[in-house]
Amino acid sequence: MFKTNDAALDAFIAAKIEIDVLLAMLAHSADHFGSDPDEANWGHVGTLKHYLEKLREITDMAS
């Protein structure tokens, strides 16, 4: 059985809503992702570099 366009639209909207929720979570960067900037260490740098790598991968695919 084939899904109708209505079902595809519902799935598209659900995925977009989930993406919007995840993007809103990135606003957490305003507080340095819960880290104290005065206590930053190379582990924090590595974590942020990992986030950056994944974000670049996503933006490259989306553009």
N, C-alpha and C. Protein backbone atom coordinates (compact mmCIF):
# COMPACT_ATOMS: atom_id res chain seq x y z
N MET A 1 0.85 -1.19 0.00
CA MET A 1 0.00 0.00 0.00
C MET A 1 0.89 1.24 0.00
N PHE A 2 0.55 2.21 -0.83
CA PHE A 2 1.31 3.45 -0.92
C PHE A 2 0.77 4.47 0.06
N LYS A 3 1.68 5.23 0.64
CA LYS A 3 1.26 6.34 1.51
C LYS A 3 0.75 7.47 0.64
N THR A 4 -0.23 8.15 1.13
CA THR A 4 -0.76 9.29 0.38
C THR A 4 0.12 10.50 0.60
N ASN A 5 -0.11 11.53 -0.20
CA ASN A 5 0.62 12.79 0.01
C ASN A 5 0.33 13.37 1.37
N ASP A 6 -0.89 13.16 1.88
CA ASP A 6 -1.22 13.66 3.22
C ASP A 6 -0.34 12.99 4.27
N ALA A 7 -0.09 11.71 4.13
CA ALA A 7 0.76 11.00 5.09
C ALA A 7 2.19 11.50 4.99
N ALA A 8 2.65 11.75 3.77
CA ALA A 8 4.01 12.29 3.57
C ALA A 8 4.12 13.68 4.19
N LEU A 9 3.09 14.49 4.00
CA LEU A 9 3.10 15.84 4.58
C LEU A 9 3.13 15.76 6.10
N ASP A 10 2.32 14.87 6.68
CA ASP A 10 2.32 14.70 8.13
C ASP A 10 3.70 14.29 8.64
N ALA A 11 4.35 13.36 7.94
CA ALA A 11 5.69 12.91 8.34
C ALA A 11 6.71 14.03 8.20
N PHE A 12 6.58 14.81 7.12
CA PHE A 12 7.48 15.95 6.89
C PHE A 12 7.35 16.96 8.03
N ILE A 13 6.11 17.30 8.38
CA ILE A 13 5.87 18.28 9.44
C ILE A 13 6.38 17.76 10.78
N ALA A 14 6.18 16.48 11.05
CA ALA A 14 6.67 15.90 12.30
C ALA A 14 8.19 15.98 12.38
N ALA A 15 8.87 15.67 11.27
CA ALA A 15 10.33 15.75 11.24
C ALA A 15 10.80 17.19 11.42
N LYS A 16 10.11 18.13 10.78
CA LYS A 16 10.48 19.54 10.90
C LYS A 16 10.31 20.03 12.33
N ILE A 17 9.24 19.62 12.98
CA ILE A 17 9.02 20.01 14.37
C ILE A 17 10.15 19.48 15.25
N GLU A 18 10.55 18.24 15.02
CA GLU A 18 11.64 17.67 15.81
C GLU A 18 12.95 18.42 15.56
N ILE A 19 13.20 18.79 14.30
CA ILE A 19 14.39 19.60 13.98
C ILE A 19 14.33 20.94 14.69
N ASP A 20 13.17 21.58 14.70
CA ASP A 20 13.02 22.87 15.37
C ASP A 20 13.32 22.76 16.87
N VAL A 21 12.87 21.66 17.48
CA VAL A 21 13.14 21.44 18.90
C VAL A 21 14.64 21.29 19.14
N LEU A 22 15.29 20.52 18.27
CA LEU A 22 16.74 20.32 18.42
C LEU A 22 17.50 21.62 18.20
N LEU A 23 17.07 22.41 17.23
CA LEU A 23 17.73 23.70 16.99
C LEU A 23 17.55 24.64 18.18
N ALA A 24 16.38 24.59 18.80
CA ALA A 24 16.15 25.42 19.98
C ALA A 24 17.09 25.02 21.12
N MET A 25 17.42 23.74 21.18
CA MET A 25 18.35 23.28 22.21
C MET A 25 19.73 23.89 22.01
N LEU A 26 20.07 24.25 20.77
CA LEU A 26 21.37 24.86 20.51
C LEU A 26 21.46 26.26 21.12
N ALA A 27 20.33 26.84 21.46
CA ALA A 27 20.36 28.14 22.15
C ALA A 27 21.07 28.01 23.49
N HIS A 28 21.25 26.77 23.93
CA HIS A 28 21.98 26.49 25.17
C HIS A 28 23.44 26.95 25.06
N SER A 29 23.89 27.24 23.84
CA SER A 29 25.27 27.69 23.67
C SER A 29 25.48 29.06 24.32
N ALA A 30 24.41 29.81 24.52
CA ALA A 30 24.54 31.12 25.16
C ALA A 30 25.12 31.00 26.57
N ASP A 31 24.89 29.86 27.22
CA ASP A 31 25.48 29.66 28.55
C ASP A 31 26.65 28.69 28.48
N HIS A 32 27.32 28.69 27.32
CA HIS A 32 28.53 27.89 27.12
C HIS A 32 28.24 26.39 27.29
N PHE A 33 27.04 25.96 26.87
CA PHE A 33 26.63 24.56 26.98
C PHE A 33 26.77 24.03 28.40
N GLY A 34 26.48 24.90 29.36
CA GLY A 34 26.50 24.49 30.77
C GLY A 34 27.88 24.44 31.39
N SER A 35 28.90 24.87 30.66
CA SER A 35 30.27 24.86 31.19
C SER A 35 30.66 26.24 31.70
N ASP A 36 31.52 26.26 32.68
CA ASP A 36 32.06 27.51 33.20
C ASP A 36 33.25 27.89 32.33
N PRO A 37 33.16 29.02 31.59
CA PRO A 37 34.26 29.40 30.71
C PRO A 37 35.59 29.58 31.43
N ASP A 38 35.53 29.92 32.72
CA ASP A 38 36.76 30.09 33.49
C ASP A 38 37.43 28.76 33.81
N GLU A 39 36.70 27.66 33.61
CA GLU A 39 37.25 26.35 33.90
C GLU A 39 37.37 25.49 32.64
N ALA A 40 37.39 26.15 31.48
CA ALA A 40 37.49 25.42 30.21
C ALA A 40 38.79 24.65 30.15
N ASN A 41 38.69 23.43 29.62
CA ASN A 41 39.88 22.61 29.44
C ASN A 41 39.84 22.00 28.04
N TRP A 42 40.86 21.22 27.71
CA TRP A 42 40.94 20.64 26.37
C TRP A 42 39.80 19.65 26.12
N GLY A 43 39.25 19.06 27.16
CA GLY A 43 38.09 18.20 26.98
C GLY A 43 36.90 18.98 26.46
N HIS A 44 36.70 20.19 27.01
CA HIS A 44 35.62 21.06 26.54
C HIS A 44 35.85 21.46 25.08
N VAL A 45 37.10 21.76 24.77
CA VAL A 45 37.44 22.12 23.39
C VAL A 45 37.10 20.96 22.45
N GLY A 46 37.48 19.76 22.84
CA GLY A 46 37.21 18.59 22.01
C GLY A 46 35.72 18.37 21.81
N THR A 47 34.94 18.57 22.86
CA THR A 47 33.49 18.42 22.76
C THR A 47 32.92 19.44 21.79
N LEU A 48 33.33 20.69 21.92
CA LEU A 48 32.81 21.73 21.02
C LEU A 48 33.26 21.50 19.58
N LYS A 49 34.48 21.03 19.39
CA LYS A 49 34.95 20.72 18.03
C LYS A 49 34.11 19.59 17.43
N HIS A 50 33.73 18.63 18.24
CA HIS A 50 32.88 17.54 17.77
C HIS A 50 31.50 18.09 17.36
N TYR A 51 30.92 18.95 18.21
CA TYR A 51 29.65 19.60 17.86
C TYR A 51 29.78 20.35 16.54
N LEU A 52 30.87 21.11 16.41
CA LEU A 52 31.11 21.91 15.21
C LEU A 52 31.19 21.03 13.97
N GLU A 53 31.91 19.93 14.09
CA GLU A 53 32.05 19.00 12.96
C GLU A 53 30.68 18.48 12.51
N LYS A 54 29.86 18.09 13.46
CA LYS A 54 28.54 17.56 13.13
C LYS A 54 27.64 18.64 12.55
N LEU A 55 27.70 19.84 13.11
CA LEU A 55 26.90 20.95 12.57
C LEU A 55 27.31 21.30 11.14
N ARG A 56 28.61 21.28 10.87
CA ARG A 56 29.07 21.54 9.51
C ARG A 56 28.56 20.47 8.55
N GLU A 57 28.60 19.22 9.00
CA GLU A 57 28.10 18.12 8.18
C GLU A 57 26.62 18.34 7.83
N ILE A 58 25.85 18.73 8.82
CA ILE A 58 24.41 18.96 8.61
C ILE A 58 24.18 20.16 7.69
N THR A 59 24.89 21.26 7.94
CA THR A 59 24.66 22.45 7.10
C THR A 59 25.13 22.20 5.68
N ASP A 60 26.18 21.43 5.50
CA ASP A 60 26.62 21.08 4.15
C ASP A 60 25.56 20.28 3.42
N MET A 61 24.93 19.34 4.11
CA MET A 61 23.88 18.54 3.48
C MET A 61 22.63 19.37 3.18
N ALA A 62 22.33 20.32 4.07
CA ALA A 62 21.09 21.08 3.94
C ALA A 62 21.19 22.22 2.94
N SER A 63 22.41 22.59 2.57
CA SER A 63 22.52 23.74 1.66
C SER A 63 22.71 23.32 0.22
